[in-house]
Amino acid sequence: MNLLLAATDANAQAQGTAAAGTLSMILMIIVWGVVIYFLIFRPQKKEQKRKQATINSLEVGANVLTTSGFYGVVIDVTDEDVIVEFGSNKNCRIPMKKAAIEQVELPEK
């Protein structure tokens, strides 16, 4: 009888250890998920908001830097596109998407 009780206690203890191991594994997955969120996804969303604010601040006469590295002046702004004038040649006007604008320096008023 004592042997049967000892076997039952050992089996219950093994099940408790397995449950604790599973719980700790789930807890570690949650912790890693939170770490990944704060190191990867949150900064990416912050950068997207900054870029959108930059694009929304576009206005005629603003000096811009494109993603290809060209400096120019905004001549016209539409919903999705802008026309940018490059260099001292006033005939070099190129339409481009707003997403191609990297930096905006608004003219002083």
PDB file of N, CA and C in Angstrom:
ATOM      1  N   MET A   1       0.817  -1.182   0.000  1.00  0.00           N
ATOM      2  CA  MET A   1       0.000   0.000   0.000  1.00  0.00           C
ATOM      3  C   MET A   1       0.871   1.260   0.000  1.00  0.00           C
ATOM      4  N   ASN A   2       1.900   1.242   0.828  1.00  0.00           N
ATOM      5  CA  ASN A   2       2.806   2.378   0.864  1.00  0.00           C
ATOM      6  C   ASN A   2       3.482   2.599  -0.484  1.00  0.00           C
ATOM      7  N   LEU A   3       3.778   1.507  -1.165  1.00  0.00           N
ATOM      8  CA  LEU A   3       4.401   1.590  -2.480  1.00  0.00           C
ATOM      9  C   LEU A   3       3.466   2.260  -3.485  1.00  0.00           C
ATOM     10  N   LEU A   4       2.186   1.967  -3.428  1.00  0.00           N
ATOM     11  CA  LEU A   4       1.194   2.566  -4.315  1.00  0.00           C
ATOM     12  C   LEU A   4       1.045   4.054  -4.028  1.00  0.00           C
ATOM     13  N   LEU A   5       1.031   4.454  -2.757  1.00  0.00           N
ATOM     14  CA  LEU A   5       0.938   5.868  -2.394  1.00  0.00           C
ATOM     15  C   LEU A   5       2.179   6.627  -2.825  1.00  0.00           C
ATOM     16  N   ALA A   6       3.350   6.015  -2.690  1.00  0.00           N
ATOM     17  CA  ALA A   6       4.595   6.657  -3.101  1.00  0.00           C
ATOM     18  C   ALA A   6       4.608   6.861  -4.615  1.00  0.00           C
ATOM     19  N   ALA A   7       4.118   5.911  -5.379  1.00  0.00           N
ATOM     20  CA  ALA A   7       4.070   6.029  -6.836  1.00  0.00           C
ATOM     21  C   ALA A   7       3.086   7.130  -7.248  1.00  0.00           C
ATOM     22  N   THR A   8       1.961   7.231  -6.556  1.00  0.00           N
ATOM     23  CA  THR A   8       0.967   8.258  -6.849  1.00  0.00           C
ATOM     24  C   THR A   8       1.523   9.640  -6.549  1.00  0.00           C
ATOM     25  N   ASP A   9       2.256   9.793  -5.424  1.00  0.00           N
ATOM     26  CA  ASP A   9       2.879  11.067  -5.084  1.00  0.00           C
ATOM     27  C   ASP A   9       3.930  11.463  -6.110  1.00  0.00           C
ATOM     28  N   ALA A  10       4.712  10.539  -6.568  1.00  0.00           N
ATOM     29  CA  ALA A  10       5.746  10.821  -7.569  1.00  0.00           C
ATOM     30  C   ALA A  10       5.100  11.247  -8.885  1.00  0.00           C
ATOM     31  N   ASN A  11       4.005  10.585  -9.259  1.00  0.00           N
ATOM     32  CA  ASN A  11       3.301  10.926 -10.502  1.00  0.00           C
ATOM     33  C   ASN A  11       2.699  12.332 -10.407  1.00  0.00           C
ATOM     34  N   ALA A  12       2.107  12.692  -9.293  1.00  0.00           N
ATOM     35  CA  ALA A  12       1.520  14.013  -9.088  1.00  0.00           C
ATOM     36  C   ALA A  12       2.604  15.085  -9.100  1.00  0.00           C
ATOM     37  N   GLN A  13       3.745  14.776  -8.502  1.00  0.00           N
ATOM     38  CA  GLN A  13       4.848  15.727  -8.466  1.00  0.00           C
ATOM     39  C   GLN A  13       5.388  15.946  -9.884  1.00  0.00           C
ATOM     40  N   ALA A  14       5.486  14.919 -10.692  1.00  0.00           N
ATOM     41  CA  ALA A  14       5.952  15.039 -12.069  1.00  0.00           C
ATOM     42  C   ALA A  14       4.982  15.879 -12.892  1.00  0.00           C
ATOM     43  N   GLN A  15       3.684  15.704 -12.679  1.00  0.00           N
ATOM     44  CA  GLN A  15       2.696  16.501 -13.404  1.00  0.00           C
ATOM     45  C   GLN A  15       2.781  17.968 -12.998  1.00  0.00           C
ATOM     46  N   GLY A  16       3.015  18.244 -11.732  1.00  0.00           N
ATOM     47  CA  GLY A  16       3.161  19.618 -11.246  1.00  0.00           C
ATOM     48  C   GLY A  16       4.387  20.276 -11.846  1.00  0.00           C
ATOM     49  N   THR A  17       5.473  19.542 -11.970  1.00  0.00           N
ATOM     50  CA  THR A  17       6.698  20.079 -12.564  1.00  0.00           C
ATOM     51  C   THR A  17       6.480  20.373 -14.045  1.00  0.00           C
ATOM     52  N   ALA A  18       5.770  19.491 -14.746  1.00  0.00           N
ATOM     53  CA  ALA A  18       5.487  19.703 -16.168  1.00  0.00           C
ATOM     54  C   ALA A  18       4.601  20.936 -16.364  1.00  0.00           C
ATOM     55  N   ALA A  19       3.621  21.126 -15.490  1.00  0.00           N
ATOM     56  CA  ALA A  19       2.736  22.287 -15.584  1.00  0.00           C
ATOM     57  C   ALA A  19       3.518  23.576 -15.325  1.00  0.00           C
ATOM     58  N   ALA A  20       4.431  23.536 -14.352  1.00  0.00           N
ATOM     59  CA  ALA A  20       5.249  24.718 -14.061  1.00  0.00           C
ATOM     60  C   ALA A  20       6.166  25.027 -15.240  1.00  0.00           C
ATOM     61  N   GLY A  21       6.694  24.004 -15.900  1.00  0.00           N
ATOM     62  CA  GLY A  21       7.547  24.207 -17.069  1.00  0.00           C
ATOM     63  C   GLY A  21       6.781  24.825 -18.229  1.00  0.00           C
ATOM     64  N   THR A  22       5.570  24.373 -18.436  1.00  0.00           N
ATOM     65  CA  THR A  22       4.725  24.918 -19.498  1.00  0.00           C
ATOM     66  C   THR A  22       4.370  26.369 -19.206  1.00  0.00           C
ATOM     67  N   LEU A  23       4.050  26.657 -17.964  1.00  0.00           N
ATOM     68  CA  LEU A  23       3.713  28.022 -17.573  1.00  0.00           C
ATOM     69  C   LEU A  23       4.900  28.955 -17.765  1.00  0.00           C
ATOM     70  N   SER A  24       6.087  28.515 -17.391  1.00  0.00           N
ATOM     71  CA  SER A  24       7.266  29.368 -17.561  1.00  0.00           C
ATOM     72  C   SER A  24       7.584  29.575 -19.036  1.00  0.00           C
ATOM     73  N   MET A  25       7.327  28.564 -19.869  1.00  0.00           N
ATOM     74  CA  MET A  25       7.563  28.716 -21.304  1.00  0.00           C
ATOM     75  C   MET A  25       6.607  29.740 -21.903  1.00  0.00           C
ATOM     76  N   ILE A  26       5.342  29.686 -21.511  1.00  0.00           N
ATOM     77  CA  ILE A  26       4.360  30.651 -21.995  1.00  0.00           C
ATOM     78  C   ILE A  26       4.730  32.055 -21.538  1.00  0.00           C
ATOM     79  N   LEU A  27       5.177  32.181 -20.302  1.00  0.00           N
ATOM     80  CA  LEU A  27       5.592  33.478 -19.770  1.00  0.00           C
ATOM     81  C   LEU A  27       6.782  34.033 -20.557  1.00  0.00           C
ATOM     82  N   MET A  28       7.749  33.203 -20.906  1.00  0.00           N
ATOM     83  CA  MET A  28       8.913  33.654 -21.678  1.00  0.00           C
ATOM     84  C   MET A  28       8.501  34.084 -23.083  1.00  0.00           C
ATOM     85  N   ILE A  29       7.550  33.395 -23.701  1.00  0.00           N
ATOM     86  CA  ILE A  29       7.079  33.787 -25.030  1.00  0.00           C
ATOM     87  C   ILE A  29       6.417  35.160 -24.965  1.00  0.00           C
ATOM     88  N   ILE A  30       5.643  35.402 -23.928  1.00  0.00           N
ATOM     89  CA  ILE A  30       4.991  36.704 -23.755  1.00  0.00           C
ATOM     90  C   ILE A  30       6.035  37.796 -23.544  1.00  0.00           C
ATOM     91  N   VAL A  31       7.033  37.529 -22.713  1.00  0.00           N
ATOM     92  CA  VAL A  31       8.091  38.518 -22.455  1.00  0.00           C
ATOM     93  C   VAL A  31       8.835  38.839 -23.749  1.00  0.00           C
ATOM     94  N   TRP A  32       9.192  37.836 -24.529  1.00  0.00           N
ATOM     95  CA  TRP A  32       9.898  38.070 -25.792  1.00  0.00           C
ATOM     96  C   TRP A  32       9.008  38.829 -26.772  1.00  0.00           C
ATOM     97  N   GLY A  33       7.726  38.556 -26.778  1.00  0.00           N
ATOM     98  CA  GLY A  33       6.812  39.302 -27.641  1.00  0.00           C
ATOM     99  C   GLY A  33       6.792  40.782 -27.296  1.00  0.00           C
ATOM    100  N   VAL A  34       6.775  41.099 -26.010  1.00  0.00           N
ATOM    101  CA  VAL A  34       6.795  42.496 -25.566  1.00  0.00           C
ATOM    102  C   VAL A  34       8.115  43.154 -25.946  1.00  0.00           C
ATOM    103  N   VAL A  35       9.224  42.461 -25.769  1.00  0.00           N
ATOM    104  CA  VAL A  35      10.543  43.006 -26.120  1.00  0.00           C
ATOM    105  C   VAL A  35      10.613  43.291 -27.618  1.00  0.00           C
ATOM    106  N   ILE A  36      10.149  42.365 -28.439  1.00  0.00           N
ATOM    107  CA  ILE A  36      10.167  42.563 -29.894  1.00  0.00           C
ATOM    108  C   ILE A  36       9.291  43.750 -30.278  1.00  0.00           C
ATOM    109  N   TYR A  37       8.147  43.888 -29.634  1.00  0.00           N
ATOM    110  CA  TYR A  37       7.267  45.019 -29.929  1.00  0.00           C
ATOM    111  C   TYR A  37       7.977  46.339 -29.672  1.00  0.00           C
ATOM    112  N   PHE A  38       8.624  46.475 -28.512  1.00  0.00           N
ATOM    113  CA  PHE A  38       9.260  47.741 -28.157  1.00  0.00           C
ATOM    114  C   PHE A  38      10.559  47.992 -28.916  1.00  0.00           C
ATOM    115  N   LEU A  39      11.215  46.964 -29.408  1.00  0.00           N
ATOM    116  CA  LEU A  39      12.464  47.163 -30.139  1.00  0.00           C
ATOM    117  C   LEU A  39      12.277  47.272 -31.641  1.00  0.00           C
ATOM    118  N   ILE A  40      11.213  46.700 -32.190  1.00  0.00           N
ATOM    119  CA  ILE A  40      11.062  46.677 -33.645  1.00  0.00           C
ATOM    120  C   ILE A  40       9.825  47.435 -34.105  1.00  0.00           C
ATOM    121  N   PHE A  41       8.655  47.030 -33.668  1.00  0.00           N
ATOM    122  CA  PHE A  41       7.420  47.570 -34.224  1.00  0.00           C
ATOM    123  C   PHE A  41       7.133  48.996 -33.789  1.00  0.00           C
ATOM    124  N   ARG A  42       7.350  49.327 -32.535  1.00  0.00           N
ATOM    125  CA  ARG A  42       7.037  50.674 -32.047  1.00  0.00           C
ATOM    126  C   ARG A  42       7.907  51.740 -32.709  1.00  0.00           C
ATOM    127  N   PRO A  43       9.234  51.555 -32.808  1.00  0.00           N
ATOM    128  CA  PRO A  43      10.038  52.567 -33.512  1.00  0.00           C
ATOM    129  C   PRO A  43       9.666  52.704 -34.989  1.00  0.00           C
ATOM    130  N   GLN A  44       9.281  51.603 -35.621  1.00  0.00           N
ATOM    131  CA  GLN A  44       8.898  51.661 -37.021  1.00  0.00           C
ATOM    132  C   GLN A  44       7.628  52.495 -37.198  1.00  0.00           C
ATOM    133  N   LYS A  45       6.654  52.320 -36.325  1.00  0.00           N
ATOM    134  CA  LYS A  45       5.424  53.114 -36.404  1.00  0.00           C
ATOM    135  C   LYS A  45       5.709  54.589 -36.125  1.00  0.00           C
ATOM    136  N   LYS A  46       6.627  54.849 -35.196  1.00  0.00           N
ATOM    137  CA  LYS A  46       6.996  56.216 -34.873  1.00  0.00           C
ATOM    138  C   LYS A  46       7.631  56.903 -36.090  1.00  0.00           C
ATOM    139  N   GLU A  47       8.486  56.181 -36.795  1.00  0.00           N
ATOM    140  CA  GLU A  47       9.130  56.718 -37.995  1.00  0.00           C
ATOM    141  C   GLU A  47       8.102  56.957 -39.105  1.00  0.00           C
ATOM    142  N   GLN A  48       7.128  56.071 -39.251  1.00  0.00           N
ATOM    143  CA  GLN A  48       6.089  56.266 -40.253  1.00  0.00           C
ATOM    144  C   GLN A  48       5.261  57.511 -39.948  1.00  0.00           C
ATOM    145  N   LYS A  49       4.959  57.749 -38.678  1.00  0.00           N
ATOM    146  CA  LYS A  49       4.208  58.950 -38.300  1.00  0.00           C
ATOM    147  C   LYS A  49       5.018  60.207 -38.589  1.00  0.00           C
ATOM    148  N   ARG A  50       6.327  60.175 -38.324  1.00  0.00           N
ATOM    149  CA  ARG A  50       7.196  61.322 -38.591  1.00  0.00           C
ATOM    150  C   ARG A  50       7.242  61.616 -40.086  1.00  0.00           C
ATOM    151  N   LYS A  51       7.389  60.578 -40.897  1.00  0.00           N
ATOM    152  CA  LYS A  51       7.445  60.752 -42.352  1.00  0.00           C
ATOM    153  C   LYS A  51       6.115  61.293 -42.875  1.00  0.00           C
ATOM    154  N   GLN A  52       5.008  60.802 -42.356  1.00  0.00           N
ATOM    155  CA  GLN A  52       3.699  61.293 -42.785  1.00  0.00           C
ATOM    156  C   GLN A  52       3.517  62.760 -42.406  1.00  0.00           C
ATOM    157  N   ALA A  53       3.983  63.149 -41.237  1.00  0.00           N
ATOM    158  CA  ALA A  53       3.900  64.554 -40.828  1.00  0.00           C
ATOM    159  C   ALA A  53       4.757  65.425 -41.745  1.00  0.00           C
ATOM    160  N   THR A  54       5.918  64.923 -42.148  1.00  0.00           N
ATOM    161  CA  THR A  54       6.781  65.657 -43.069  1.00  0.00           C
ATOM    162  C   THR A  54       6.087  65.847 -44.406  1.00  0.00           C
ATOM    163  N   ILE A  55       5.477  64.796 -44.923  1.00  0.00           N
ATOM    164  CA  ILE A  55       4.788  64.878 -46.213  1.00  0.00           C
ATOM    165  C   ILE A  55       3.588  65.817 -46.121  1.00  0.00           C
ATOM    166  N   ASN A  56       2.885  65.792 -45.002  1.00  0.00           N
ATOM    167  CA  ASN A  56       1.722  66.666 -44.836  1.00  0.00           C
ATOM    168  C   ASN A  56       2.111  68.136 -44.719  1.00  0.00           C
ATOM    169  N   SER A  57       3.356  68.412 -44.331  1.00  0.00           N
ATOM    170  CA  SER A  57       3.792  69.797 -44.179  1.00  0.00           C
ATOM    171  C   SER A  57       4.285  70.410 -45.487  1.00  0.00           C
ATOM    172  N   LEU A  58       4.231  69.665 -46.578  1.00  0.00           N
ATOM    173  CA  LEU A  58       4.678  70.189 -47.875  1.00  0.00           C
ATOM    174  C   LEU A  58       3.818  71.369 -48.303  1.00  0.00           C
ATOM    175  N   GLU A  59       4.470  72.396 -48.808  1.00  0.00           N
ATOM    176  CA  GLU A  59       3.761  73.535 -49.379  1.00  0.00           C
ATOM    177  C   GLU A  59       4.632  74.133 -50.475  1.00  0.00           C
ATOM    178  N   VAL A  60       4.033  74.919 -51.314  1.00  0.00           N
ATOM    179  CA  VAL A  60       4.749  75.536 -52.427  1.00  0.00           C
ATOM    180  C   VAL A  60       5.855  76.432 -51.876  1.00  0.00           C
ATOM    181  N   GLY A  61       7.036  76.299 -52.453  1.00  0.00           N
ATOM    182  CA  GLY A  61       8.179  77.104 -52.035  1.00  0.00           C
ATOM    183  C   GLY A  61       9.072  76.420 -51.017  1.00  0.00           C
ATOM    184  N   ALA A  62       8.692  75.244 -50.557  1.00  0.00           N
ATOM    185  CA  ALA A  62       9.501  74.523 -49.561  1.00  0.00           C
ATOM    186  C   ALA A  62      10.720  73.898 -50.244  1.00  0.00           C
ATOM    187  N   ASN A  63      11.853  73.965 -49.564  1.00  0.00           N
ATOM    188  CA  ASN A  63      13.060  73.283 -50.034  1.00  0.00           C
ATOM    189  C   ASN A  63      12.980  71.836 -49.570  1.00  0.00           C
ATOM    190  N   VAL A  64      13.244  70.902 -50.488  1.00  0.00           N
ATOM    191  CA  VAL A  64      13.105  69.484 -50.162  1.00  0.00           C
ATOM    192  C   VAL A  64      14.359  68.728 -50.569  1.00  0.00           C
ATOM    193  N   LEU A  65      14.546  67.595 -49.907  1.00  0.00           N
ATOM    194  CA  LEU A  65      15.572  66.624 -50.265  1.00  0.00           C
ATOM    195  C   LEU A  65      14.835  65.352 -50.630  1.00  0.00           C
ATOM    196  N   THR A  66      15.101  64.821 -51.832  1.00  0.00           N
ATOM    197  CA  THR A  66      14.420  63.608 -52.272  1.00  0.00           C
ATOM    198  C   THR A  66      15.177  62.384 -51.768  1.00  0.00           C
ATOM    199  N   THR A  67      14.540  61.225 -51.865  1.00  0.00           N
ATOM    200  CA  THR A  67      15.180  59.988 -51.424  1.00  0.00           C
ATOM    201  C   THR A  67      16.371  59.634 -52.306  1.00  0.00           C
ATOM    202  N   SER A  68      16.428  60.187 -53.515  1.00  0.00           N
ATOM    203  CA  SER A  68      17.569  59.926 -54.396  1.00  0.00           C
ATOM    204  C   SER A  68      18.705  60.907 -54.162  1.00  0.00           C
ATOM    205  N   GLY A  69      18.520  61.882 -53.263  1.00  0.00           N
ATOM    206  CA  GLY A  69      19.600  62.779 -52.880  1.00  0.00           C
ATOM    207  C   GLY A  69      19.604  64.114 -53.589  1.00  0.00           C
ATOM    208  N   PHE A  70      18.563  64.451 -54.325  1.00  0.00           N
ATOM    209  CA  PHE A  70      18.491  65.728 -55.035  1.00  0.00           C
ATOM    210  C   PHE A  70      17.802  66.771 -54.166  1.00  0.00           C
ATOM    211  N   TYR A  71      18.349  68.001 -54.194  1.00  0.00           N
ATOM    212  CA  TYR A  71      17.726  69.121 -53.510  1.00  0.00           C
ATOM    213  C   TYR A  71      16.909  69.901 -54.524  1.00  0.00           C
ATOM    214  N   GLY A  72      15.739  70.372 -54.110  1.00  0.00           N
ATOM    215  CA  GLY A  72      14.900  71.138 -55.014  1.00  0.00           C
ATOM    216  C   GLY A  72      13.897  71.976 -54.264  1.00  0.00           C
ATOM    217  N   VAL A  73      13.077  72.684 -55.047  1.00  0.00           N
ATOM    218  CA  VAL A  73      12.050  73.561 -54.492  1.00  0.00           C
ATOM    219  C   VAL A  73      10.703  73.091 -55.025  1.00  0.00           C
ATOM    220  N   VAL A  74       9.725  72.984 -54.133  1.00  0.00           N
ATOM    221  CA  VAL A  74       8.388  72.538 -54.520  1.00  0.00           C
ATOM    222  C   VAL A  74       7.682  73.649 -55.283  1.00  0.00           C
ATOM    223  N   ILE A  75       7.184  73.313 -56.476  1.00  0.00           N
ATOM    224  CA  ILE A  75       6.477  74.273 -57.328  1.00  0.00           C
ATOM    225  C   ILE A  75       4.970  74.085 -57.233  1.00  0.00           C
ATOM    226  N   ASP A  76       4.527  72.820 -57.138  1.00  0.00           N
ATOM    227  CA  ASP A  76       3.089  72.545 -57.085  1.00  0.00           C
ATOM    228  C   ASP A  76       2.868  71.292 -56.239  1.00  0.00           C
ATOM    229  N   VAL A  77       1.749  71.253 -55.518  1.00  0.00           N
ATOM    230  CA  VAL A  77       1.405  70.110 -54.672  1.00  0.00           C
ATOM    231  C   VAL A  77      -0.007  69.651 -55.038  1.00  0.00           C
ATOM    232  N   THR A  78      -0.135  68.338 -55.332  1.00  0.00           N
ATOM    233  CA  THR A  78      -1.448  67.743 -55.552  1.00  0.00           C
ATOM    234  C   THR A  78      -1.674  66.697 -54.467  1.00  0.00           C
ATOM    235  N   ASP A  79      -2.725  65.889 -54.618  1.00  0.00           N
ATOM    236  CA  ASP A  79      -3.038  64.900 -53.580  1.00  0.00           C
ATOM    237  C   ASP A  79      -1.915  63.891 -53.365  1.00  0.00           C
ATOM    238  N   GLU A  80      -1.404  63.303 -54.439  1.00  0.00           N
ATOM    239  CA  GLU A  80      -0.383  62.267 -54.306  1.00  0.00           C
ATOM    240  C   GLU A  80       0.982  62.684 -54.854  1.00  0.00           C
ATOM    241  N   ASP A  81       1.021  63.727 -55.670  1.00  0.00           N
ATOM    242  CA  ASP A  81       2.251  64.105 -56.359  1.00  0.00           C
ATOM    243  C   ASP A  81       2.681  65.520 -55.999  1.00  0.00           C
ATOM    244  N   VAL A  82       3.940  65.814 -56.277  1.00  0.00           N
ATOM    245  CA  VAL A  82       4.478  67.167 -56.171  1.00  0.00           C
ATOM    246  C   VAL A  82       5.308  67.421 -57.423  1.00  0.00           C
ATOM    247  N   ILE A  83       5.439  68.675 -57.810  1.00  0.00           N
ATOM    248  CA  ILE A  83       6.342  69.047 -58.888  1.00  0.00           C
ATOM    249  C   ILE A  83       7.490  69.798 -58.235  1.00  0.00           C
ATOM    250  N   VAL A  84       8.703  69.295 -58.456  1.00  0.00           N
ATOM    251  CA  VAL A  84       9.896  69.849 -57.819  1.00  0.00           C
ATOM    252  C   VAL A  84      10.797  70.428 -58.897  1.00  0.00           C
ATOM    253  N   GLU A  85      11.314  71.619 -58.626  1.00  0.00           N
ATOM    254  CA  GLU A  85      12.248  72.290 -59.529  1.00  0.00           C
ATOM    255  C   GLU A  85      13.660  72.078 -58.983  1.00  0.00           C
ATOM    256  N   PHE A  86      14.539  71.563 -59.830  1.00  0.00           N
ATOM    257  CA  PHE A  86      15.892  71.230 -59.408  1.00  0.00           C
ATOM    258  C   PHE A  86      16.905  72.192 -60.013  1.00  0.00           C
ATOM    259  N   GLY A  87      17.928  72.540 -59.228  1.00  0.00           N
ATOM    260  CA  GLY A  87      19.044  73.338 -59.718  1.00  0.00           C
ATOM    261  C   GLY A  87      18.669  74.761 -60.059  1.00  0.00           C
ATOM    262  N   SER A  88      19.632  75.456 -60.681  1.00  0.00           N
ATOM    263  CA  SER A  88      19.404  76.850 -61.047  1.00  0.00           C
ATOM    264  C   SER A  88      18.695  76.978 -62.387  1.00  0.00           C
ATOM    265  N   ASN A  89      18.583  75.875 -63.120  1.00  0.00           N
ATOM    266  CA  ASN A  89      17.866  75.870 -64.389  1.00  0.00           C
ATOM    267  C   ASN A  89      16.373  75.814 -64.090  1.00  0.00           C
ATOM    268  N   LYS A  90      15.671  76.877 -64.390  1.00  0.00           N
ATOM    269  CA  LYS A  90      14.242  76.956 -64.045  1.00  0.00           C
ATOM    270  C   LYS A  90      13.377  76.048 -64.908  1.00  0.00           C
ATOM    271  N   ASN A  91      13.953  75.401 -65.919  1.00  0.00           N
ATOM    272  CA  ASN A  91      13.176  74.522 -66.792  1.00  0.00           C
ATOM    273  C   ASN A  91      13.235  73.072 -66.335  1.00  0.00           C
ATOM    274  N   CYS A  92      13.944  72.778 -65.286  1.00  0.00           N
ATOM    275  CA  CYS A  92      14.093  71.399 -64.814  1.00  0.00           C
ATOM    276  C   CYS A  92      13.067  71.133 -63.712  1.00  0.00           C
ATOM    277  N   ARG A  93      11.848  70.837 -64.127  1.00  0.00           N
ATOM    278  CA  ARG A  93      10.756  70.554 -63.182  1.00  0.00           C
ATOM    279  C   ARG A  93      10.329  69.105 -63.375  1.00  0.00           C
ATOM    280  N   ILE A  94      10.305  68.369 -62.272  1.00  0.00           N
ATOM    281  CA  ILE A  94      10.010  66.939 -62.348  1.00  0.00           C
ATOM    282  C   ILE A  94       8.862  66.603 -61.402  1.00  0.00           C
ATOM    283  N   PRO A  95       7.797  65.975 -61.929  1.00  0.00           N
ATOM    284  CA  PRO A  95       6.734  65.501 -61.030  1.00  0.00           C
ATOM    285  C   PRO A  95       7.186  64.216 -60.340  1.00  0.00           C
ATOM    286  N   MET A  96       6.869  64.088 -59.076  1.00  0.00           N
ATOM    287  CA  MET A  96       7.228  62.878 -58.313  1.00  0.00           C
ATOM    288  C   MET A  96       6.204  62.626 -57.218  1.00  0.00           C
ATOM    289  N   LYS A  97       6.219  61.415 -56.718  1.00  0.00           N
ATOM    290  CA  LYS A  97       5.326  61.038 -55.617  1.00  0.00           C
ATOM    291  C   LYS A  97       5.770  61.735 -54.331  1.00  0.00           C
ATOM    292  N   LYS A  98       4.803  62.001 -53.471  1.00  0.00           N
ATOM    293  CA  LYS A  98       5.129  62.610 -52.177  1.00  0.00           C
ATOM    294  C   LYS A  98       6.011  61.698 -51.331  1.00  0.00           C
ATOM    295  N   ALA A  99       5.884  60.387 -51.519  1.00  0.00           N
ATOM    296  CA  ALA A  99       6.681  59.434 -50.743  1.00  0.00           C
ATOM    297  C   ALA A  99       8.170  59.542 -51.063  1.00  0.00           C
ATOM    298  N   ALA A 100       8.523  60.168 -52.182  1.00  0.00           N
ATOM    299  CA  ALA A 100       9.928  60.323 -52.563  1.00  0.00           C
ATOM    300  C   ALA A 100      10.596  61.499 -51.855  1.00  0.00           C
ATOM    301  N   ILE A 101       9.856  62.234 -51.053  1.00  0.00           N
ATOM    302  CA  ILE A 101      10.415  63.368 -50.314  1.00  0.00           C
ATOM    303  C   ILE A 101      10.941  62.872 -48.969  1.00  0.00           C
ATOM    304  N   GLU A 102      12.215  63.122 -48.704  1.00  0.00           N
ATOM    305  CA  GLU A 102      12.851  62.661 -47.470  1.00  0.00           C
ATOM    306  C   GLU A 102      12.826  63.732 -46.370  1.00  0.00           C
ATOM    307  N   GLN A 103      13.193  64.967 -46.732  1.00  0.00           N
ATOM    308  CA  GLN A 103      13.219  66.068 -45.759  1.00  0.00           C
ATOM    309  C   GLN A 103      12.548  67.286 -46.357  1.00  0.00           C
ATOM    310  N   VAL A 104      11.964  68.101 -45.494  1.00  0.00           N
ATOM    311  CA  VAL A 104      11.295  69.329 -45.930  1.00  0.00           C
ATOM    312  C   VAL A 104      11.809  70.474 -45.057  1.00  0.00           C
ATOM    313  N   GLU A 105      12.208  71.564 -45.732  1.00  0.00           N
ATOM    314  CA  GLU A 105      12.593  72.776 -45.017  1.00  0.00           C
ATOM    315  C   GLU A 105      11.656  73.874 -45.497  1.00  0.00           C
ATOM    316  N   LEU A 106      10.724  74.268 -44.656  1.00  0.00           N
ATOM    317  CA  LEU A 106       9.718  75.250 -45.040  1.00  0.00           C
ATOM    318  C   LEU A 106      10.352  76.628 -45.134  1.00  0.00           C
ATOM    319  N   PRO A 107       9.866  77.459 -46.079  1.00  0.00           N
ATOM    320  CA  PRO A 107      10.406  78.809 -46.199  1.00  0.00           C
ATOM    321  C   PRO A 107       9.988  79.656 -44.990  1.00  0.00           C
ATOM    322  N   GLU A 108      10.890  80.555 -44.612  1.00  0.00           N
ATOM    323  CA  GLU A 108      10.573  81.442 -43.470  1.00  0.00           C
ATOM    324  C   GLU A 108       9.605  82.515 -43.938  1.00  0.00           C
ATOM    325  N   LYS A 109       8.674  82.865 -43.061  1.00  0.00           N
ATOM    326  CA  LYS A 109       7.642  83.827 -43.429  1.00  0.00           C
ATOM    327  C   LYS A 109       7.910  85.169 -42.826  1.00  0.00           C
TER     328      LYS A 109
END
